[in-house]
Amino acid sequence: MPIGRVTQVVDCREAMGMGKGGGLAQRGTISECRYPDVIVVGMSPGRRHVTKPVCDITSGLRQQGVEYSISTLVLNAGSGVPPDAPKIAGGVLGAYFGLTPKEIAQIEKHKVAILHHGNVRSHVVHKVRFILQACDVKAIVVSQSPVDYEDLAKEGVKTSVVMPPEDRIRTKGTVMSIVSGVTRGQTPTREKMAEVISSVMRIVKQKKPLE
């Protein structure tokens, strides 16, 4: 049992940032922890997509004494929408959202994935669906725009509150909790951090059913 102060190091990238805003983690990087408990997945950085809430969540979990290992993954192709998302008028600007086999493996080895996908409601829903189609993991969705379990279930995402019909389930992973109102580019409020921490604690402590 530690007595007094305990020093914790939070590394939010595996390599130096480059170019303007070099202090931020760049796309395609992960800071891995010793024990794979929780992974925070962020969008690729850019003019509209910033990684700030992701690093704040990571350090906030540590500061509150969450005794689990925290990894951070900045996706290589975290912008846009998945290629199988419904087409919008005018098409998609820029690259499609996607995952590499390496990123899938990195996410799946953790017990909990915190997924941060910004402010466009439809983008959040389809990105979460795409990730959980590929990754069998329990997830906490963090977004700026309000998203509810029914929005996700309508797209075939398994959730802890609303389940899609059996013939429409499209995901291996399950959304266990949603925390909306986390503004991109800004530090989350104490109330929102408390919601994230409470969700993480509840999920990690869940016992697996006996085989």
N, C-alpha and C. Protein backbone atom coordinates (compact mmCIF):
# COMPACT_ATOMS: atom_id res chain seq x y z
N MET A 1 0.84 -1.19 0.00
CA MET A 1 0.00 0.00 0.00
C MET A 1 0.88 1.25 0.00
N PRO A 2 0.78 2.12 -1.02
CA PRO A 2 1.63 3.31 -1.07
C PRO A 2 1.27 4.33 0.01
N ILE A 3 2.28 4.95 0.57
CA ILE A 3 2.07 5.98 1.59
C ILE A 3 2.66 7.28 1.06
N GLY A 4 1.90 8.38 1.18
CA GLY A 4 2.38 9.67 0.69
C GLY A 4 2.12 9.84 -0.79
N ARG A 5 2.97 10.58 -1.47
CA ARG A 5 2.75 10.88 -2.88
C ARG A 5 3.17 9.72 -3.77
N VAL A 6 2.43 9.55 -4.85
CA VAL A 6 2.75 8.53 -5.84
C VAL A 6 2.89 9.22 -7.19
N THR A 7 4.02 9.03 -7.84
CA THR A 7 4.26 9.65 -9.14
C THR A 7 3.75 8.75 -10.25
N GLN A 8 2.98 9.32 -11.17
CA GLN A 8 2.49 8.58 -12.32
C GLN A 8 2.89 9.33 -13.59
N VAL A 9 3.34 8.58 -14.59
CA VAL A 9 3.73 9.17 -15.86
C VAL A 9 2.69 8.81 -16.91
N VAL A 10 2.15 9.82 -17.58
CA VAL A 10 1.17 9.59 -18.63
C VAL A 10 1.80 10.00 -19.96
N ASP A 11 2.03 9.03 -20.84
CA ASP A 11 2.63 9.29 -22.14
C ASP A 11 1.54 9.26 -23.19
N CYS A 12 1.27 10.38 -23.87
CA CYS A 12 0.16 10.43 -24.81
C CYS A 12 0.57 10.19 -26.25
N ARG A 13 1.79 9.77 -26.50
CA ARG A 13 2.20 9.42 -27.87
C ARG A 13 3.46 8.56 -27.80
N GLU A 14 3.69 7.82 -28.88
CA GLU A 14 4.88 6.97 -28.92
C GLU A 14 6.03 7.63 -29.68
N ALA A 15 5.75 8.79 -30.34
CA ALA A 15 6.78 9.47 -31.09
C ALA A 15 6.55 10.97 -31.01
N MET A 16 7.59 11.76 -31.36
CA MET A 16 7.49 13.21 -31.34
C MET A 16 6.46 13.69 -32.36
N GLY A 17 5.67 14.73 -31.97
CA GLY A 17 4.76 15.35 -32.92
C GLY A 17 5.56 16.13 -33.95
N MET A 18 4.95 16.37 -35.11
CA MET A 18 5.66 17.07 -36.19
C MET A 18 4.84 18.24 -36.69
N GLY A 19 5.51 19.25 -37.18
CA GLY A 19 4.82 20.39 -37.76
C GLY A 19 4.16 21.26 -36.72
N LYS A 20 3.22 22.09 -37.19
CA LYS A 20 2.51 23.00 -36.30
C LYS A 20 1.70 22.20 -35.28
N GLY A 21 1.75 22.63 -34.03
CA GLY A 21 1.06 21.88 -32.98
C GLY A 21 1.78 20.60 -32.65
N GLY A 22 3.11 20.63 -32.69
CA GLY A 22 3.91 19.42 -32.51
C GLY A 22 3.78 18.77 -31.15
N GLY A 23 3.13 19.47 -30.19
CA GLY A 23 2.96 18.86 -28.88
C GLY A 23 1.86 17.82 -28.85
N LEU A 24 1.04 17.76 -29.92
CA LEU A 24 -0.07 16.80 -29.97
C LEU A 24 0.39 15.49 -30.59
N ALA A 25 -0.26 14.41 -30.17
CA ALA A 25 0.01 13.12 -30.79
C ALA A 25 -0.41 13.15 -32.25
N GLN A 26 0.40 12.55 -33.11
CA GLN A 26 0.08 12.51 -34.53
C GLN A 26 -0.66 11.23 -34.89
N ARG A 27 -1.28 11.22 -36.06
CA ARG A 27 -2.08 10.07 -36.49
C ARG A 27 -1.21 8.81 -36.54
N GLY A 28 -1.85 7.68 -36.27
CA GLY A 28 -1.17 6.40 -36.37
C GLY A 28 -0.24 6.10 -35.21
N THR A 29 -0.41 6.76 -34.07
CA THR A 29 0.47 6.50 -32.93
C THR A 29 -0.34 5.96 -31.76
N ILE A 30 0.35 5.20 -30.91
CA ILE A 30 -0.27 4.67 -29.70
C ILE A 30 0.75 4.73 -28.57
N SER A 31 0.30 5.11 -27.40
CA SER A 31 1.14 4.96 -26.21
C SER A 31 0.59 3.76 -25.47
N GLU A 32 1.37 2.71 -25.37
CA GLU A 32 0.90 1.48 -24.77
C GLU A 32 1.31 1.39 -23.31
N CYS A 33 0.42 0.81 -22.51
CA CYS A 33 0.69 0.63 -21.11
C CYS A 33 1.13 -0.82 -20.86
N ARG A 34 1.56 -1.08 -19.66
CA ARG A 34 2.07 -2.42 -19.34
C ARG A 34 0.96 -3.46 -19.32
N TYR A 35 -0.17 -3.11 -18.71
CA TYR A 35 -1.30 -4.02 -18.63
C TYR A 35 -2.47 -3.43 -19.43
N PRO A 36 -3.00 -4.14 -20.42
CA PRO A 36 -4.05 -3.57 -21.29
C PRO A 36 -5.43 -3.58 -20.65
N ASP A 37 -5.75 -2.55 -19.90
CA ASP A 37 -7.06 -2.44 -19.26
C ASP A 37 -7.98 -1.52 -20.05
N VAL A 38 -7.59 -0.25 -20.21
CA VAL A 38 -8.43 0.75 -20.86
C VAL A 38 -7.66 1.41 -21.99
N ILE A 39 -8.31 1.58 -23.14
CA ILE A 39 -7.70 2.31 -24.25
C ILE A 39 -8.62 3.46 -24.65
N VAL A 40 -8.04 4.65 -24.81
CA VAL A 40 -8.78 5.83 -25.24
C VAL A 40 -8.47 6.04 -26.71
N VAL A 41 -9.51 5.96 -27.57
CA VAL A 41 -9.33 6.04 -29.02
C VAL A 41 -9.76 7.42 -29.50
N GLY A 42 -8.85 8.14 -30.16
CA GLY A 42 -9.14 9.49 -30.63
C GLY A 42 -9.06 9.58 -32.14
N MET A 43 -9.68 10.63 -32.69
CA MET A 43 -9.66 10.88 -34.13
C MET A 43 -8.28 11.37 -34.56
N SER A 44 -8.02 11.29 -35.86
CA SER A 44 -6.77 11.84 -36.38
C SER A 44 -6.78 13.36 -36.20
N PRO A 45 -5.65 13.95 -35.81
CA PRO A 45 -5.62 15.40 -35.60
C PRO A 45 -5.68 16.15 -36.92
N GLY A 46 -6.27 17.33 -36.87
CA GLY A 46 -6.38 18.18 -38.05
C GLY A 46 -7.04 19.49 -37.65
N ARG A 47 -7.45 20.29 -38.62
CA ARG A 47 -8.07 21.58 -38.31
C ARG A 47 -9.33 21.42 -37.47
N ARG A 48 -10.16 20.41 -37.80
CA ARG A 48 -11.43 20.22 -37.11
C ARG A 48 -11.35 19.13 -36.05
N HIS A 49 -10.43 18.19 -36.22
CA HIS A 49 -10.32 17.08 -35.28
C HIS A 49 -9.07 17.27 -34.43
N VAL A 50 -9.26 17.47 -33.15
CA VAL A 50 -8.13 17.68 -32.26
C VAL A 50 -8.13 16.59 -31.20
N THR A 51 -6.96 16.32 -30.67
CA THR A 51 -6.81 15.20 -29.73
C THR A 51 -6.91 15.63 -28.27
N LYS A 52 -7.12 16.91 -28.03
CA LYS A 52 -7.08 17.41 -26.65
C LYS A 52 -7.99 16.66 -25.67
N PRO A 53 -9.27 16.43 -25.97
CA PRO A 53 -10.09 15.74 -24.96
C PRO A 53 -9.55 14.35 -24.61
N VAL A 54 -8.90 13.71 -25.59
CA VAL A 54 -8.39 12.35 -25.36
C VAL A 54 -7.29 12.36 -24.31
N CYS A 55 -6.33 13.26 -24.44
CA CYS A 55 -5.25 13.34 -23.46
C CYS A 55 -5.79 13.76 -22.09
N ASP A 56 -6.78 14.66 -22.08
CA ASP A 56 -7.38 15.09 -20.82
C ASP A 56 -8.07 13.93 -20.11
N ILE A 57 -8.77 13.10 -20.88
CA ILE A 57 -9.45 11.96 -20.28
C ILE A 57 -8.42 10.98 -19.71
N THR A 58 -7.36 10.74 -20.47
CA THR A 58 -6.31 9.82 -20.02
C THR A 58 -5.70 10.29 -18.71
N SER A 59 -5.27 11.56 -18.66
CA SER A 59 -4.64 12.07 -17.44
C SER A 59 -5.65 12.22 -16.32
N GLY A 60 -6.90 12.56 -16.66
CA GLY A 60 -7.93 12.70 -15.64
C GLY A 60 -8.21 11.39 -14.91
N LEU A 61 -8.23 10.29 -15.65
CA LEU A 61 -8.42 8.98 -15.03
C LEU A 61 -7.30 8.69 -14.03
N ARG A 62 -6.09 9.04 -14.42
CA ARG A 62 -4.94 8.82 -13.53
C ARG A 62 -5.02 9.69 -12.28
N GLN A 63 -5.35 10.97 -12.49
CA GLN A 63 -5.39 11.91 -11.37
C GLN A 63 -6.44 11.53 -10.33
N GLN A 64 -7.50 10.86 -10.78
CA GLN A 64 -8.56 10.47 -9.86
C GLN A 64 -8.29 9.13 -9.20
N GLY A 65 -7.08 8.61 -9.41
CA GLY A 65 -6.71 7.38 -8.72
C GLY A 65 -7.28 6.12 -9.31
N VAL A 66 -7.63 6.17 -10.61
CA VAL A 66 -8.13 4.95 -11.26
C VAL A 66 -6.95 4.00 -11.42
N GLU A 67 -7.02 2.88 -10.74
CA GLU A 67 -5.87 1.98 -10.67
C GLU A 67 -5.87 0.97 -11.80
N TYR A 68 -5.99 1.48 -13.03
CA TYR A 68 -5.93 0.63 -14.20
C TYR A 68 -4.98 1.27 -15.20
N SER A 69 -4.41 0.45 -16.06
CA SER A 69 -3.48 0.95 -17.07
C SER A 69 -4.27 1.59 -18.21
N ILE A 70 -3.83 2.75 -18.65
CA ILE A 70 -4.53 3.52 -19.68
C ILE A 70 -3.64 3.65 -20.92
N SER A 71 -4.11 3.22 -22.08
CA SER A 71 -3.42 3.43 -23.35
C SER A 71 -4.16 4.51 -24.13
N THR A 72 -3.45 5.16 -25.05
CA THR A 72 -4.07 6.14 -25.94
C THR A 72 -3.74 5.79 -27.37
N LEU A 73 -4.74 5.74 -28.25
CA LEU A 73 -4.54 5.43 -29.66
C LEU A 73 -5.12 6.55 -30.51
N VAL A 74 -4.29 7.18 -31.34
CA VAL A 74 -4.75 8.17 -32.31
C VAL A 74 -4.82 7.47 -33.66
N LEU A 75 -6.03 7.35 -34.21
CA LEU A 75 -6.23 6.56 -35.42
C LEU A 75 -5.52 7.16 -36.63
N ASN A 76 -5.05 6.28 -37.50
CA ASN A 76 -4.40 6.71 -38.72
C ASN A 76 -5.40 7.33 -39.70
N ALA A 77 -6.61 6.76 -39.76
CA ALA A 77 -7.66 7.28 -40.64
C ALA A 77 -8.91 7.54 -39.81
N GLY A 78 -8.81 8.50 -38.89
CA GLY A 78 -9.91 8.75 -37.96
C GLY A 78 -10.86 9.86 -38.38
N SER A 79 -10.65 10.43 -39.57
CA SER A 79 -11.52 11.49 -40.06
C SER A 79 -12.58 10.93 -41.00
N GLY A 80 -13.60 11.74 -41.30
CA GLY A 80 -14.62 11.34 -42.26
C GLY A 80 -15.57 10.30 -41.68
N VAL A 81 -16.20 9.54 -42.56
CA VAL A 81 -17.14 8.49 -42.16
C VAL A 81 -16.71 7.18 -42.82
N PRO A 82 -17.15 6.03 -42.29
CA PRO A 82 -16.80 4.75 -42.91
C PRO A 82 -17.33 4.67 -44.34
N PRO A 83 -16.68 3.90 -45.20
CA PRO A 83 -17.11 3.80 -46.61
C PRO A 83 -18.50 3.19 -46.78
N ASP A 84 -18.98 2.43 -45.77
CA ASP A 84 -20.30 1.82 -45.89
C ASP A 84 -21.40 2.64 -45.22
N ALA A 85 -21.07 3.86 -44.78
CA ALA A 85 -22.09 4.74 -44.19
C ALA A 85 -22.98 5.29 -45.30
N PRO A 86 -24.25 5.64 -44.99
CA PRO A 86 -25.14 6.21 -46.01
C PRO A 86 -24.53 7.46 -46.65
N LYS A 87 -24.66 7.57 -47.94
CA LYS A 87 -24.08 8.71 -48.66
C LYS A 87 -24.90 9.97 -48.40
N ILE A 88 -24.19 11.10 -48.26
CA ILE A 88 -24.86 12.38 -48.07
C ILE A 88 -24.76 13.20 -49.35
N ALA A 89 -25.60 14.22 -49.47
CA ALA A 89 -25.59 15.06 -50.67
C ALA A 89 -24.22 15.68 -50.86
N GLY A 90 -23.67 15.56 -52.05
CA GLY A 90 -22.35 16.14 -52.32
C GLY A 90 -21.21 15.20 -52.04
N GLY A 91 -21.52 14.00 -51.46
CA GLY A 91 -20.46 13.03 -51.19
C GLY A 91 -19.68 13.36 -49.93
N VAL A 92 -18.55 12.70 -49.78
CA VAL A 92 -17.70 12.84 -48.59
C VAL A 92 -16.46 13.65 -48.94
N LEU A 93 -16.15 14.64 -48.13
CA LEU A 93 -14.95 15.42 -48.34
C LEU A 93 -13.78 14.74 -47.63
N GLY A 94 -12.66 14.56 -48.33
CA GLY A 94 -11.50 13.97 -47.70
C GLY A 94 -11.56 12.45 -47.68
N ALA A 95 -10.73 11.87 -46.81
CA ALA A 95 -10.60 10.42 -46.74
C ALA A 95 -11.74 9.79 -45.95
N TYR A 96 -11.93 8.49 -46.17
CA TYR A 96 -12.89 7.73 -45.39
C TYR A 96 -12.29 7.31 -44.05
N PHE A 97 -13.16 7.17 -43.07
CA PHE A 97 -12.77 6.63 -41.77
C PHE A 97 -12.47 5.14 -41.93
N GLY A 98 -11.44 4.67 -41.24
CA GLY A 98 -11.11 3.25 -41.34
C GLY A 98 -10.20 2.78 -40.22
N LEU A 99 -10.02 1.48 -40.15
CA LEU A 99 -9.15 0.85 -39.16
C LEU A 99 -8.17 -0.08 -39.87
N THR A 100 -6.96 -0.15 -39.37
CA THR A 100 -5.99 -1.12 -39.88
C THR A 100 -6.06 -2.38 -39.03
N PRO A 101 -5.60 -3.52 -39.56
CA PRO A 101 -5.57 -4.74 -38.74
C PRO A 101 -4.78 -4.55 -37.44
N LYS A 102 -3.72 -3.74 -37.50
CA LYS A 102 -2.92 -3.48 -36.29
C LYS A 102 -3.74 -2.72 -35.25
N GLU A 103 -4.50 -1.71 -35.70
CA GLU A 103 -5.32 -0.94 -34.77
C GLU A 103 -6.42 -1.80 -34.15
N ILE A 104 -7.00 -2.69 -34.95
CA ILE A 104 -8.03 -3.60 -34.41
C ILE A 104 -7.44 -4.46 -33.31
N ALA A 105 -6.25 -5.01 -33.55
CA ALA A 105 -5.60 -5.85 -32.54
C ALA A 105 -5.26 -5.05 -31.29
N GLN A 106 -4.82 -3.81 -31.48
CA GLN A 106 -4.47 -2.96 -30.33
C GLN A 106 -5.69 -2.66 -29.48
N ILE A 107 -6.83 -2.40 -30.11
CA ILE A 107 -8.06 -2.10 -29.37
C ILE A 107 -8.58 -3.35 -28.67
N GLU A 108 -8.60 -4.47 -29.37
CA GLU A 108 -9.24 -5.68 -28.85
C GLU A 108 -8.54 -6.28 -27.63
N LYS A 109 -7.27 -5.98 -27.45
CA LYS A 109 -6.59 -6.60 -26.31
C LYS A 109 -6.89 -5.89 -24.99
N HIS A 110 -7.67 -4.80 -25.05
CA HIS A 110 -8.05 -4.07 -23.84
C HIS A 110 -9.43 -4.49 -23.35
N LYS A 111 -9.71 -4.25 -22.08
CA LYS A 111 -11.00 -4.60 -21.49
C LYS A 111 -12.07 -3.57 -21.85
N VAL A 112 -11.67 -2.30 -21.92
CA VAL A 112 -12.61 -1.21 -22.18
C VAL A 112 -12.00 -0.26 -23.21
N ALA A 113 -12.81 0.18 -24.18
CA ALA A 113 -12.37 1.18 -25.15
C ALA A 113 -13.23 2.43 -24.99
N ILE A 114 -12.58 3.57 -24.74
CA ILE A 114 -13.28 4.86 -24.70
C ILE A 114 -13.15 5.47 -26.09
N LEU A 115 -14.29 5.63 -26.79
CA LEU A 115 -14.29 6.08 -28.18
C LEU A 115 -14.72 7.54 -28.26
N HIS A 116 -13.81 8.42 -28.73
CA HIS A 116 -14.12 9.84 -28.85
C HIS A 116 -14.20 10.20 -30.32
N HIS A 117 -15.40 10.64 -30.79
CA HIS A 117 -15.58 10.88 -32.22
C HIS A 117 -16.25 12.20 -32.56
N GLY A 118 -16.10 13.21 -31.72
CA GLY A 118 -16.44 14.55 -32.15
C GLY A 118 -17.88 15.01 -32.04
N ASN A 119 -18.32 15.81 -33.04
CA ASN A 119 -19.51 16.62 -32.87
C ASN A 119 -20.62 16.35 -33.88
N VAL A 120 -20.37 15.55 -34.91
CA VAL A 120 -21.41 15.28 -35.91
C VAL A 120 -22.10 13.98 -35.52
N ARG A 121 -23.38 14.08 -35.18
CA ARG A 121 -24.10 12.94 -34.61
C ARG A 121 -24.04 11.69 -35.48
N SER A 122 -24.34 11.85 -36.76
CA SER A 122 -24.35 10.69 -37.65
C SER A 122 -22.95 10.09 -37.80
N HIS A 123 -21.92 10.95 -37.80
CA HIS A 123 -20.55 10.46 -37.89
C HIS A 123 -20.20 9.62 -36.66
N VAL A 124 -20.59 10.11 -35.49
CA VAL A 124 -20.31 9.39 -34.25
C VAL A 124 -20.92 8.00 -34.29
N VAL A 125 -22.19 7.93 -34.68
CA VAL A 125 -22.90 6.64 -34.70
C VAL A 125 -22.23 5.66 -35.65
N HIS A 126 -21.90 6.11 -36.86
CA HIS A 126 -21.32 5.18 -37.85
C HIS A 126 -19.88 4.82 -37.52
N LYS A 127 -19.13 5.72 -36.92
CA LYS A 127 -17.76 5.38 -36.52
C LYS A 127 -17.77 4.34 -35.41
N VAL A 128 -18.66 4.52 -34.43
CA VAL A 128 -18.77 3.55 -33.33
C VAL A 128 -19.19 2.19 -33.89
N ARG A 129 -20.18 2.20 -34.77
CA ARG A 129 -20.63 0.95 -35.38
C ARG A 129 -19.50 0.26 -36.13
N PHE A 130 -18.72 1.02 -36.89
CA PHE A 130 -17.64 0.46 -37.70
C PHE A 130 -16.56 -0.16 -36.79
N ILE A 131 -16.19 0.55 -35.73
CA ILE A 131 -15.17 0.03 -34.81
C ILE A 131 -15.64 -1.25 -34.13
N LEU A 132 -16.88 -1.24 -33.63
CA LEU A 132 -17.37 -2.39 -32.88
C LEU A 132 -17.76 -3.55 -33.79
N GLN A 133 -17.91 -3.33 -35.09
CA GLN A 133 -18.04 -4.43 -36.03
C GLN A 133 -16.75 -5.23 -36.08
N ALA A 134 -15.64 -4.52 -35.98
CA ALA A 134 -14.32 -5.16 -36.10
C ALA A 134 -13.76 -5.60 -34.76
N CYS A 135 -14.12 -4.90 -33.68
CA CYS A 135 -13.50 -5.13 -32.37
C CYS A 135 -14.49 -5.66 -31.35
N ASP A 136 -14.18 -6.78 -30.77
CA ASP A 136 -15.00 -7.35 -29.71
C ASP A 136 -14.53 -6.77 -28.38
N VAL A 137 -15.10 -5.66 -27.99
CA VAL A 137 -14.68 -4.95 -26.79
C VAL A 137 -15.86 -4.18 -26.20
N LYS A 138 -15.83 -3.95 -24.90
CA LYS A 138 -16.84 -3.11 -24.26
C LYS A 138 -16.43 -1.65 -24.43
N ALA A 139 -17.39 -0.81 -24.82
CA ALA A 139 -17.03 0.56 -25.19
C ALA A 139 -17.81 1.60 -24.41
N ILE A 140 -17.15 2.76 -24.20
CA ILE A 140 -17.78 3.96 -23.67
C ILE A 140 -17.68 5.01 -24.78
N VAL A 141 -18.81 5.54 -25.20
CA VAL A 141 -18.83 6.54 -26.27
C VAL A 141 -18.78 7.94 -25.65
N VAL A 142 -17.82 8.75 -26.08
CA VAL A 142 -17.69 10.12 -25.61
C VAL A 142 -17.83 11.04 -26.82
N SER A 143 -18.77 11.99 -26.76
CA SER A 143 -18.99 12.87 -27.90
C SER A 143 -19.45 14.25 -27.44
N GLN A 144 -19.40 15.20 -28.35
CA GLN A 144 -19.91 16.54 -28.05
C GLN A 144 -21.41 16.59 -28.31
N SER A 145 -21.84 16.04 -29.43
CA SER A 145 -23.26 16.04 -29.78
C SER A 145 -24.00 14.96 -28.98
N PRO A 146 -25.27 15.19 -28.68
CA PRO A 146 -26.04 14.19 -27.94
C PRO A 146 -26.30 12.95 -28.78
N VAL A 147 -25.95 11.80 -28.25
CA VAL A 147 -26.19 10.52 -28.90
C VAL A 147 -26.85 9.61 -27.87
N ASP A 148 -27.84 8.84 -28.27
CA ASP A 148 -28.46 7.94 -27.31
C ASP A 148 -28.37 6.49 -27.79
N TYR A 149 -28.76 5.56 -26.91
CA TYR A 149 -28.63 4.14 -27.21
C TYR A 149 -29.50 3.72 -28.39
N GLU A 150 -30.65 4.36 -28.55
CA GLU A 150 -31.53 4.01 -29.66
C GLU A 150 -30.91 4.38 -31.00
N ASP A 151 -30.19 5.52 -31.05
CA ASP A 151 -29.48 5.90 -32.28
C ASP A 151 -28.54 4.79 -32.71
N LEU A 152 -27.82 4.25 -31.74
CA LEU A 152 -26.84 3.20 -32.03
C LEU A 152 -27.52 1.88 -32.39
N ALA A 153 -28.55 1.53 -31.63
CA ALA A 153 -29.25 0.26 -31.88
C ALA A 153 -29.89 0.24 -33.28
N LYS A 154 -30.35 1.39 -33.76
CA LYS A 154 -30.96 1.47 -35.09
C LYS A 154 -29.96 1.10 -36.18
N GLU A 155 -28.67 1.31 -35.91
CA GLU A 155 -27.62 0.97 -36.87
C GLU A 155 -27.01 -0.40 -36.59
N GLY A 156 -27.65 -1.17 -35.70
CA GLY A 156 -27.19 -2.53 -35.45
C GLY A 156 -26.12 -2.66 -34.39
N VAL A 157 -25.92 -1.59 -33.60
CA VAL A 157 -24.90 -1.62 -32.54
C VAL A 157 -25.50 -2.21 -31.27
N LYS A 158 -24.84 -3.20 -30.71
CA LYS A 158 -25.27 -3.76 -29.43
C LYS A 158 -24.98 -2.74 -28.32
N THR A 159 -25.95 -2.52 -27.44
CA THR A 159 -25.73 -1.63 -26.30
C THR A 159 -26.25 -2.31 -25.04
N SER A 160 -25.85 -1.79 -23.90
CA SER A 160 -26.26 -2.35 -22.61
C SER A 160 -27.69 -1.98 -22.25
N VAL A 161 -28.27 -1.02 -22.99
CA VAL A 161 -29.62 -0.54 -22.67
C VAL A 161 -30.64 -0.97 -23.72
N VAL A 162 -30.29 -0.79 -25.00
CA VAL A 162 -31.19 -1.15 -26.10
C VAL A 162 -30.45 -2.10 -27.03
N MET A 163 -31.09 -3.24 -27.33
CA MET A 163 -30.49 -4.20 -28.25
C MET A 163 -31.23 -4.18 -29.59
N PRO A 164 -30.49 -4.22 -30.70
CA PRO A 164 -31.16 -4.34 -32.00
C PRO A 164 -31.82 -5.72 -32.11
N PRO A 165 -32.79 -5.90 -33.01
CA PRO A 165 -33.32 -7.24 -33.28
C PRO A 165 -32.16 -8.18 -33.66
N GLU A 166 -32.28 -9.44 -33.32
CA GLU A 166 -31.20 -10.39 -33.56
C GLU A 166 -30.73 -10.42 -35.00
N ASP A 167 -31.66 -10.28 -35.93
CA ASP A 167 -31.28 -10.36 -37.34
C ASP A 167 -30.66 -9.06 -37.87
N ARG A 168 -30.58 -8.03 -37.01
CA ARG A 168 -30.00 -6.75 -37.44
C ARG A 168 -28.75 -6.37 -36.66
N ILE A 169 -28.29 -7.26 -35.78
CA ILE A 169 -27.06 -6.98 -35.03
C ILE A 169 -25.86 -7.00 -35.97
N ARG A 170 -25.07 -5.92 -35.91
CA ARG A 170 -23.93 -5.79 -36.82
C ARG A 170 -22.59 -5.73 -36.10
N THR A 171 -22.60 -5.74 -34.77
CA THR A 171 -21.35 -5.55 -34.04
C THR A 171 -21.00 -6.74 -33.15
N LYS A 172 -19.70 -6.91 -32.97
CA LYS A 172 -19.19 -7.88 -32.00
C LYS A 172 -19.08 -7.22 -30.63
N GLY A 173 -18.63 -5.96 -30.62
CA GLY A 173 -18.49 -5.22 -29.38
C GLY A 173 -19.81 -4.60 -28.93
N THR A 174 -19.81 -4.09 -27.70
CA THR A 174 -21.03 -3.55 -27.08
C THR A 174 -20.77 -2.18 -26.47
N VAL A 175 -21.67 -1.22 -26.71
CA VAL A 175 -21.59 0.08 -26.04
C VAL A 175 -22.21 -0.06 -24.65
N MET A 176 -21.42 0.17 -23.64
CA MET A 176 -21.87 0.02 -22.26
C MET A 176 -22.33 1.33 -21.65
N SER A 177 -21.79 2.46 -22.14
CA SER A 177 -22.12 3.76 -21.56
C SER A 177 -21.89 4.86 -22.59
N ILE A 178 -22.64 5.96 -22.47
CA ILE A 178 -22.49 7.12 -23.34
C ILE A 178 -22.31 8.37 -22.49
N VAL A 179 -21.29 9.16 -22.81
CA VAL A 179 -21.07 10.46 -22.15
C VAL A 179 -21.04 11.52 -23.24
N SER A 180 -22.11 12.30 -23.37
CA SER A 180 -22.17 13.36 -24.38
C SER A 180 -21.94 14.71 -23.71
N GLY A 181 -21.76 15.74 -24.52
CA GLY A 181 -21.49 17.07 -23.98
C GLY A 181 -20.04 17.34 -23.67
N VAL A 182 -19.13 16.51 -24.22
CA VAL A 182 -17.69 16.73 -24.06
C VAL A 182 -17.21 17.49 -25.29
N THR A 183 -16.93 18.77 -25.14
CA THR A 183 -16.60 19.65 -26.27
C THR A 183 -15.21 19.37 -26.79
N ARG A 184 -15.11 19.14 -28.09
CA ARG A 184 -13.79 18.87 -28.67
C ARG A 184 -12.92 20.11 -28.58
N GLY A 185 -11.66 19.89 -28.33
CA GLY A 185 -10.72 20.99 -28.22
C GLY A 185 -10.69 21.67 -26.86
N GLN A 186 -11.52 21.20 -25.92
CA GLN A 186 -11.56 21.80 -24.59
C GLN A 186 -11.44 20.72 -23.53
N THR A 187 -10.95 21.13 -22.36
CA THR A 187 -10.84 20.21 -21.25
C THR A 187 -12.24 19.84 -20.75
N PRO A 188 -12.55 18.54 -20.58
CA PRO A 188 -13.87 18.15 -20.08
C PRO A 188 -14.12 18.71 -18.68
N THR A 189 -15.36 19.01 -18.37
CA THR A 189 -15.71 19.49 -17.04
C THR A 189 -15.54 18.38 -16.02
N ARG A 190 -15.52 18.74 -14.74
CA ARG A 190 -15.39 17.74 -13.69
C ARG A 190 -16.56 16.77 -13.71
N GLU A 191 -17.74 17.30 -14.03
CA GLU A 191 -18.92 16.43 -14.07
C GLU A 191 -18.80 15.38 -15.17
N LYS A 192 -18.31 15.78 -16.34
CA LYS A 192 -18.16 14.84 -17.44
C LYS A 192 -17.04 13.84 -17.16
N MET A 193 -15.96 14.32 -16.55
CA MET A 193 -14.88 13.40 -16.18
C MET A 193 -15.37 12.38 -15.17
N ALA A 194 -16.23 12.82 -14.24
CA ALA A 194 -16.77 11.92 -13.24
C ALA A 194 -17.63 10.83 -13.90
N GLU A 195 -18.38 11.22 -14.95
CA GLU A 195 -19.19 10.24 -15.68
C GLU A 195 -18.31 9.19 -16.36
N VAL A 196 -17.22 9.66 -16.98
CA VAL A 196 -16.31 8.74 -17.66
C VAL A 196 -15.66 7.79 -16.65
N ILE A 197 -15.17 8.35 -15.55
CA ILE A 197 -14.49 7.54 -14.53
C ILE A 197 -15.44 6.51 -13.93
N SER A 198 -16.67 6.94 -13.64
CA SER A 198 -17.66 6.02 -13.07
C SER A 198 -17.95 4.88 -14.03
N SER A 199 -18.06 5.19 -15.32
CA SER A 199 -18.33 4.16 -16.32
C SER A 199 -17.17 3.17 -16.43
N VAL A 200 -15.95 3.70 -16.43
CA VAL A 200 -14.77 2.83 -16.52
C VAL A 200 -14.72 1.89 -15.33
N MET A 201 -14.89 2.43 -14.14
CA MET A 201 -14.83 1.62 -12.92
C MET A 201 -15.88 0.52 -12.94
N ARG A 202 -17.09 0.88 -13.36
CA ARG A 202 -18.19 -0.09 -13.37
C ARG A 202 -17.92 -1.23 -14.34
N ILE A 203 -17.39 -0.91 -15.51
CA ILE A 203 -17.18 -1.93 -16.55
C ILE A 203 -16.00 -2.83 -16.21
N VAL A 204 -14.89 -2.24 -15.79
CA VAL A 204 -13.69 -3.03 -15.50
C VAL A 204 -13.92 -3.99 -14.34
N LYS A 205 -14.76 -3.58 -13.40
CA LYS A 205 -15.01 -4.42 -12.23
C LYS A 205 -16.00 -5.55 -12.49
N GLN A 206 -16.68 -5.51 -13.64
CA GLN A 206 -17.65 -6.56 -13.94
C GLN A 206 -16.95 -7.90 -14.08
N LYS A 207 -17.53 -8.91 -13.48
CA LYS A 207 -16.96 -10.25 -13.57
C LYS A 207 -17.49 -10.94 -14.82
N LYS A 208 -16.60 -11.69 -15.48
CA LYS A 208 -17.02 -12.45 -16.65
C LYS A 208 -17.88 -13.63 -16.22
N PRO A 209 -18.93 -13.94 -16.98
CA PRO A 209 -19.76 -15.08 -16.64
C PRO A 209 -18.97 -16.39 -16.73
N LEU A 210 -19.31 -17.35 -15.90
CA LEU A 210 -18.63 -18.63 -15.92
C LEU A 210 -18.95 -19.36 -17.22
N GLU A 211 -17.94 -19.96 -17.78
CA GLU A 211 -18.14 -20.71 -19.04
C GLU A 211 -18.96 -21.98 -18.76
